[in-house]
Amino acid sequence: MVAQDKGKIPKEISGVPVDPATPPKTEFRVLGEEMIEKEVKTSGKTGRVYLPGDWVGRLVKIIRMN
């Protein structure tokens, strides 16, 4: 992604119009062992994602997709 001037919102990225209320997407590169895609479920006033029991004690990274 091209560096942006602070406070300046681009009109479009890659020819796609940008909604000023939505922050631009960021690309992440992560090396890992396994990936699971799940939907976050409501849990009181927070959200929850259940993962396999053998992942307990492991380091995970969560990336919001939309």
Protein backbone atom coordinates (compact mmCIF):
# COMPACT_ATOMS: atom_id res chain seq x y z
CA MET A 1 0.00 0.00 0.00
CA VAL A 2 1.28 3.45 -0.85
CA ALA A 3 2.08 5.74 2.06
CA GLN A 4 -0.66 8.32 2.60
CA ASP A 5 -0.50 11.87 3.92
CA LYS A 6 -1.87 12.02 7.45
CA GLY A 7 -5.53 13.01 7.50
CA LYS A 8 -5.89 12.62 3.73
CA ILE A 9 -8.36 9.96 2.55
CA PRO A 10 -7.74 8.50 -0.92
CA LYS A 11 -10.63 8.78 -3.40
CA GLU A 12 -9.95 5.30 -4.75
CA ILE A 13 -7.56 2.39 -4.30
CA SER A 14 -6.90 0.15 -7.31
CA GLY A 15 -9.77 1.81 -9.20
CA VAL A 16 -12.33 0.95 -6.51
CA PRO A 17 -14.10 3.91 -4.83
CA VAL A 18 -13.31 4.18 -1.10
CA ASP A 19 -16.01 4.84 1.50
CA PRO A 20 -14.58 7.54 3.84
CA ALA A 21 -16.33 5.85 6.80
CA THR A 22 -14.47 2.56 6.16
CA PRO A 23 -10.71 2.33 6.79
CA PRO A 24 -8.65 0.95 3.89
CA LYS A 25 -7.76 -2.76 3.88
CA THR A 26 -4.32 -3.90 5.02
CA GLU A 27 -2.47 -6.96 3.78
CA PHE A 28 -0.93 -9.27 6.39
CA ARG A 29 1.60 -12.03 5.77
CA VAL A 30 1.67 -14.66 8.51
CA LEU A 31 3.49 -17.99 8.65
CA GLY A 32 1.67 -20.61 10.66
CA GLU A 33 0.74 -24.22 11.17
CA GLU A 34 -3.00 -24.25 10.49
CA MET A 35 -5.86 -21.87 9.67
CA ILE A 36 -9.55 -22.05 10.55
CA GLU A 37 -12.14 -19.59 9.26
CA LYS A 38 -15.08 -19.04 11.62
CA GLU A 39 -17.81 -16.52 12.36
CA VAL A 40 -17.67 -14.70 15.70
CA LYS A 41 -20.73 -15.51 17.83
CA THR A 42 -22.35 -13.29 20.47
CA SER A 43 -21.36 -13.97 24.07
CA GLY A 44 -22.97 -11.46 26.44
CA LYS A 45 -21.64 -8.03 25.43
CA THR A 46 -18.61 -9.49 23.61
CA GLY A 47 -17.85 -11.94 20.81
CA ARG A 48 -16.52 -15.49 21.00
CA VAL A 49 -14.80 -17.94 18.66
CA TYR A 50 -14.36 -21.56 19.67
CA LEU A 51 -11.12 -23.23 18.60
CA PRO A 52 -9.97 -26.86 18.80
CA GLY A 53 -8.91 -28.11 22.24
CA ASP A 54 -5.43 -28.99 21.02
CA TRP A 55 -4.87 -25.26 20.32
CA VAL A 56 -5.08 -24.47 24.07
CA GLY A 57 -1.83 -22.84 25.18
CA ARG A 58 -0.86 -22.03 21.57
CA LEU A 59 -0.27 -18.55 20.15
CA VAL A 60 -2.97 -17.46 17.66
CA LYS A 61 -3.57 -14.28 15.64
CA ILE A 62 -7.05 -12.99 14.83
CA ILE A 63 -7.63 -10.87 11.71
CA ARG A 64 -11.05 -9.27 11.10
CA MET A 65 -11.93 -9.92 7.46
CA ASN A 66 -14.95 -7.58 7.12
